[in-house]
Protein backbone atom coordinates (compact mmCIF):
# COMPACT_ATOMS: atom_id res chain seq x y z
CA UNK A 1 -25.24 27.35 -25.18
CA UNK A 2 -25.16 30.96 -26.81
CA UNK A 3 -22.39 33.74 -26.46
CA UNK A 4 -22.87 37.72 -24.80
CA UNK A 5 -19.75 39.79 -25.03
CA UNK A 6 -20.08 42.96 -22.45
CA UNK A 7 -19.19 45.66 -23.85
CA UNK A 8 -20.00 48.90 -23.02
CA UNK A 9 -19.38 51.35 -20.33
CA UNK A 10 -17.38 54.86 -21.10
CA UNK A 11 -13.72 53.49 -20.27
CA UNK A 12 -12.78 56.44 -18.32
CA UNK A 13 -10.10 54.95 -16.76
CA UNK A 14 -8.47 55.30 -20.34
CA UNK A 15 -9.06 58.49 -21.29
CA UNK A 16 -8.13 60.23 -23.15
CA UNK A 17 -8.29 57.03 -25.81
CA UNK A 18 -11.62 56.90 -24.91
CA UNK A 19 -12.85 60.47 -26.07
CA UNK A 20 -14.28 59.42 -29.32
CA UNK A 21 -13.96 55.71 -29.50
CA UNK A 22 -14.73 52.69 -27.34
CA UNK A 23 -12.34 51.19 -25.29
CA UNK A 24 -12.96 48.12 -26.78
CA UNK A 25 -12.35 49.04 -30.06
CA UNK A 26 -8.60 50.13 -28.98
CA UNK A 27 -5.85 47.65 -29.93
CA UNK A 28 -4.32 45.04 -28.23
CA UNK A 29 -1.34 44.23 -29.96
CA UNK A 30 -2.05 43.85 -33.91
CA UNK A 31 -5.78 43.57 -33.65
CA UNK A 32 -8.70 45.12 -31.72
CA UNK A 33 -9.54 44.13 -28.03
CA UNK A 34 -13.11 43.30 -28.76
CA UNK A 35 -12.32 40.56 -31.52
CA UNK A 36 -10.68 38.15 -28.22
CA UNK A 37 -13.74 37.64 -26.12
CA UNK A 38 -15.54 36.76 -29.84
CA UNK A 39 -12.63 34.62 -30.68
CA UNK A 40 -12.57 32.70 -27.30
CA UNK A 41 -16.31 32.25 -27.70
CA UNK A 42 -15.96 30.51 -31.20
CA UNK A 43 -12.80 28.47 -29.58
CA UNK A 44 -15.29 27.00 -27.45
CA UNK A 45 -17.69 25.81 -30.26
CA UNK A 46 -20.28 28.80 -29.21
CA UNK A 47 -21.34 30.35 -33.09
CA UNK A 48 -24.57 32.28 -31.75
CA UNK A 49 -23.22 35.49 -30.25
CA UNK A 50 -24.79 38.90 -28.95
CA UNK A 51 -22.24 41.93 -28.43
CA UNK A 52 -24.02 44.22 -26.22
CA UNK A 53 -22.42 47.71 -26.15
CA UNK A 54 -23.74 51.79 -26.06
CA UNK A 55 -22.42 55.21 -26.00
CA UNK A 56 -21.70 57.31 -29.43
CA UNK A 57 -19.48 55.24 -31.23
CA UNK A 58 -22.02 51.53 -31.11
CA UNK A 59 -22.21 51.83 -34.86
CA UNK A 60 -18.51 51.11 -35.51
CA UNK A 61 -18.79 48.17 -34.51
CA UNK A 62 -20.96 46.54 -36.81
CA UNK A 63 -18.82 48.53 -39.35
CA UNK A 64 -15.78 46.63 -38.34
CA UNK A 65 -17.60 43.27 -37.22
CA UNK A 66 -20.30 43.00 -39.62
CA UNK A 67 -22.34 40.18 -39.14
CA UNK A 68 -20.06 37.57 -38.16
CA UNK A 69 -18.42 35.65 -40.80
CA UNK A 70 -14.74 36.06 -40.01
CA UNK A 71 -15.15 34.51 -36.85
CA UNK A 72 -17.42 31.37 -38.10
CA UNK A 73 -20.56 32.33 -36.38
CA UNK A 74 -24.02 31.57 -37.76
CA UNK A 75 -24.65 34.61 -36.56
CA UNK A 76 -23.66 38.12 -34.12
CA UNK A 77 -26.69 40.06 -33.00
CA UNK A 78 -26.03 43.39 -31.13
CA UNK A 79 -28.08 45.32 -28.71
CA UNK A 80 -27.61 48.96 -27.34
CA UNK A 81 -27.48 49.43 -23.35
CA UNK A 82 -28.52 53.30 -22.68
CA UNK A 83 -26.86 54.86 -19.89
CA UNK A 84 -24.55 52.70 -17.15
CA UNK A 85 -26.48 50.00 -15.59
CA UNK A 86 -23.80 48.16 -14.84
CA UNK A 87 -23.18 43.81 -15.70
CA UNK A 88 -26.22 42.42 -15.02
CA UNK A 89 -27.85 45.30 -16.65
CA UNK A 90 -26.58 44.65 -19.94
CA UNK A 91 -26.55 40.94 -19.43
CA UNK A 92 -30.56 41.64 -18.87
CA UNK A 93 -30.76 43.09 -22.55
CA UNK A 94 -29.81 39.31 -24.10
CA UNK A 95 -32.85 37.34 -22.27
CA UNK A 96 -34.50 36.79 -25.86
CA UNK A 97 -31.45 36.64 -27.36
CA UNK A 98 -30.74 33.76 -25.17
CA UNK A 99 -34.06 32.15 -25.75
CA UNK A 100 -34.09 29.39 -22.73
CA UNK A 101 -30.61 28.45 -23.43
CA UNK A 102 -27.05 28.47 -21.58
CA UNK A 103 -25.04 31.26 -21.89
CA UNK A 104 -21.54 31.90 -21.46
CA UNK A 105 -20.78 36.02 -20.51
CA UNK A 106 -17.45 37.10 -21.54
CA UNK A 107 -16.41 41.16 -20.42
CA UNK A 108 -15.37 42.83 -23.53
CA UNK A 109 -11.91 43.81 -22.46
CA UNK A 110 -10.72 39.85 -21.45
CA UNK A 111 -7.42 38.76 -22.85
CA UNK A 112 -6.79 35.26 -22.44
CA UNK A 113 -4.04 32.91 -23.13
CA UNK A 114 -5.82 30.16 -22.98
CA UNK A 115 -8.94 28.04 -24.10
CA UNK A 116 -12.31 28.08 -22.34
CA UNK A 117 -13.39 25.62 -24.74
CA UNK A 118 -13.01 22.75 -21.44
CA UNK A 119 -14.71 25.26 -18.91
CA UNK A 120 -17.66 25.48 -21.42
CA UNK A 121 -17.55 21.60 -22.39
CA UNK A 122 -17.94 20.79 -18.40
CA UNK A 123 -20.98 23.41 -18.02
CA UNK A 124 -23.00 21.95 -20.71
CA UNK A 125 -22.95 18.52 -18.41
CA UNK A 126 -23.72 20.39 -15.82
CA UNK A 127 -26.66 21.52 -17.67
CA UNK A 128 -27.65 24.19 -14.32
CA UNK A 129 -26.73 26.59 -12.25
CA UNK A 130 -23.95 28.54 -13.03
CA UNK A 131 -19.62 28.23 -13.16
CA UNK A 132 -17.32 31.05 -12.99
CA UNK A 133 -12.89 30.87 -13.55
CA UNK A 134 -11.05 32.08 -11.37
CA UNK A 135 -7.19 33.31 -11.52
CA UNK A 136 -4.45 33.77 -8.64
CA UNK A 137 -3.65 37.69 -9.27
CA UNK A 138 -1.25 40.26 -7.42
CA UNK A 139 -3.71 42.32 -7.09
CA UNK A 140 -7.63 40.91 -5.87
CA UNK A 141 -9.16 43.63 -4.62
CA UNK A 142 -9.08 45.11 -8.40
CA UNK A 143 -11.80 41.97 -9.09
CA UNK A 144 -14.77 40.44 -7.17
CA UNK A 145 -12.74 37.65 -5.31
CA UNK A 146 -13.91 34.51 -3.88
CA UNK A 147 -14.20 33.42 -0.45
CA UNK A 148 -13.19 29.69 -0.08
CA UNK A 149 -14.13 26.90 2.12
CA UNK A 150 -12.28 23.10 1.01
CA UNK A 151 -13.54 23.35 -2.47
CA UNK A 152 -16.35 25.70 -2.03
CA UNK A 153 -17.06 29.59 -2.95
CA UNK A 154 -18.94 30.45 -0.29
CA UNK A 155 -19.31 33.96 -0.92
CA UNK A 156 -17.85 36.71 -3.50
CA UNK A 157 -17.28 39.91 -2.59
CA UNK A 158 -16.58 42.67 -4.77
CA UNK A 159 -13.20 44.93 -4.59
CA UNK A 160 -12.58 43.89 -1.29
CA UNK A 161 -9.93 46.00 0.27
CA UNK A 162 -8.89 43.28 2.62
CA UNK A 163 -9.23 40.58 0.39
CA UNK A 164 -9.53 36.91 2.09
CA UNK A 165 -8.21 34.75 -0.94
CA UNK A 166 -5.44 35.82 -3.58
CA UNK A 167 -8.52 34.54 -6.16
CA UNK A 168 -9.78 37.18 -8.90
CA UNK A 169 -13.65 35.98 -10.63
CA UNK A 170 -12.68 36.57 -14.03
CA UNK A 171 -14.68 38.46 -16.46
CA UNK A 172 -16.57 34.82 -17.87
CA UNK A 173 -19.29 33.62 -16.33
CA UNK A 174 -21.75 30.45 -17.59
CA UNK A 175 -25.29 30.83 -16.40
CA UNK A 176 -28.29 29.03 -16.55
CA UNK A 177 -31.63 30.60 -18.23
CA UNK A 178 -32.30 31.20 -14.50
CA UNK A 179 -29.84 34.88 -14.71
CA UNK A 180 -32.23 36.17 -16.44
CA UNK A 181 -34.72 35.85 -13.15
CA UNK A 182 -32.47 36.32 -10.61
CA UNK A 183 -31.31 39.58 -12.77
CA UNK A 184 -34.77 40.61 -12.18
CA UNK A 185 -34.62 40.36 -8.71
CA UNK A 186 -31.43 42.81 -7.62
CA UNK A 187 -31.27 46.26 -6.50
CA UNK A 188 -28.28 48.74 -7.78
CA UNK A 189 -25.64 48.69 -5.53
CA UNK A 190 -24.31 52.16 -4.03
CA UNK A 191 -22.51 52.40 -7.75
CA UNK A 192 -26.19 52.74 -8.79
CA UNK A 193 -25.42 49.15 -10.83
CA UNK A 194 -27.02 46.11 -11.20
CA UNK A 195 -23.81 43.89 -9.76
CA UNK A 196 -22.54 40.33 -11.51
CA UNK A 197 -21.17 39.58 -7.92
CA UNK A 198 -24.80 40.01 -6.50
CA UNK A 199 -25.95 37.71 -9.57
CA UNK A 200 -23.06 35.19 -8.99
CA UNK A 201 -23.53 35.39 -5.27
CA UNK A 202 -27.16 34.27 -5.77
CA UNK A 203 -26.61 31.20 -7.79
CA UNK A 204 -24.28 30.30 -4.55
CA UNK A 205 -26.53 30.64 -1.72
CA UNK A 206 -28.86 27.79 -4.32
CA UNK A 207 -25.95 25.77 -3.72
CA UNK A 208 -25.27 25.48 -7.79
CA UNK A 209 -22.07 27.19 -8.63
CA UNK A 210 -19.42 25.54 -9.57
CA UNK A 211 -15.88 27.06 -10.42
CA UNK A 212 -12.51 26.26 -12.35
CA UNK A 213 -8.71 27.58 -12.53
CA UNK A 214 -8.13 29.09 -15.88
CA UNK A 215 -5.21 28.33 -17.16
CA UNK A 216 -2.51 30.47 -18.41
CA UNK A 217 -2.86 33.94 -18.16
CA UNK A 218 -5.62 37.10 -18.32
CA UNK A 219 -5.90 39.95 -17.83
CA UNK A 220 -8.48 42.50 -18.73
CA UNK A 221 -7.54 46.49 -20.58
CA UNK A 222 -9.51 48.25 -18.34
CA UNK A 223 -6.53 50.40 -17.34
CA UNK A 224 -3.66 52.02 -18.90
CA UNK A 225 -1.03 49.44 -17.07
CA UNK A 226 -3.79 46.68 -18.09
CA UNK A 227 -3.55 47.93 -21.72
CA UNK A 228 0.05 47.80 -22.12
CA UNK A 229 0.17 44.37 -20.12
CA UNK A 230 -2.15 43.19 -22.38
CA UNK A 231 -0.56 43.76 -25.53
CA UNK A 232 2.76 42.85 -24.26
CA UNK A 233 1.58 39.39 -23.19
CA UNK A 234 -0.33 38.85 -26.92
CA UNK A 235 2.72 39.92 -28.60
CA UNK A 236 5.03 38.11 -26.22
CA UNK A 237 2.63 34.80 -26.46
CA UNK A 238 2.06 35.26 -30.68
CA UNK A 239 -1.58 35.93 -31.72
CA UNK A 240 -1.91 33.74 -34.07
CA UNK A 241 -1.14 30.58 -31.51
CA UNK A 242 -3.67 31.72 -29.95
CA UNK A 243 -6.51 31.42 -32.56
CA UNK A 244 -6.83 34.86 -33.11
């Protein structure tokens, strides 16, 4: 299984902190934000990772992370996303790197307490389709929200005004190699982006999407409030306990 960390975007919700740097280089407690998703993949046994970024600070990732040896990686590749094409558009850039294998995709501002190793092992056994990780949250309208019927996810709605469940789709996804064929069929949303929710709904329509509940706390760090919360949670939990 290959890993892809998506660390593009302008970070406009974090201005002025992101005026001169990429948001994924901001600190979460005592380490740069980007360390956490990379370590989550490494903890799940993924040792070949591509980082997709963009903007004017792309070179800073190379200076910070080098070849990934500090995380025990076999290799750390980089790709550059031009413009703001969305999550699925950024993932598209990793097609040749993934090279027909399965892939675990993590958004670079997702910080977790637990470990995605159990989900990764389950998906390795699943061998095809997709797997998403859900988490109950107080403000699901900020995220993709699953509509559940029994133990099945029948649809995911992107940032709904009236969420039909209290769960959020976390920014951690497992896909087989068919994900790149699906991305090629997508049309830009009203935001002008290729949406990862449309990718997940394609797998739902195909009947090959599974889901698990993510253990431990989870937060993104894309707003001032959630950036502060992430630092508090890591400080309370202890970065060393998290394997970072």
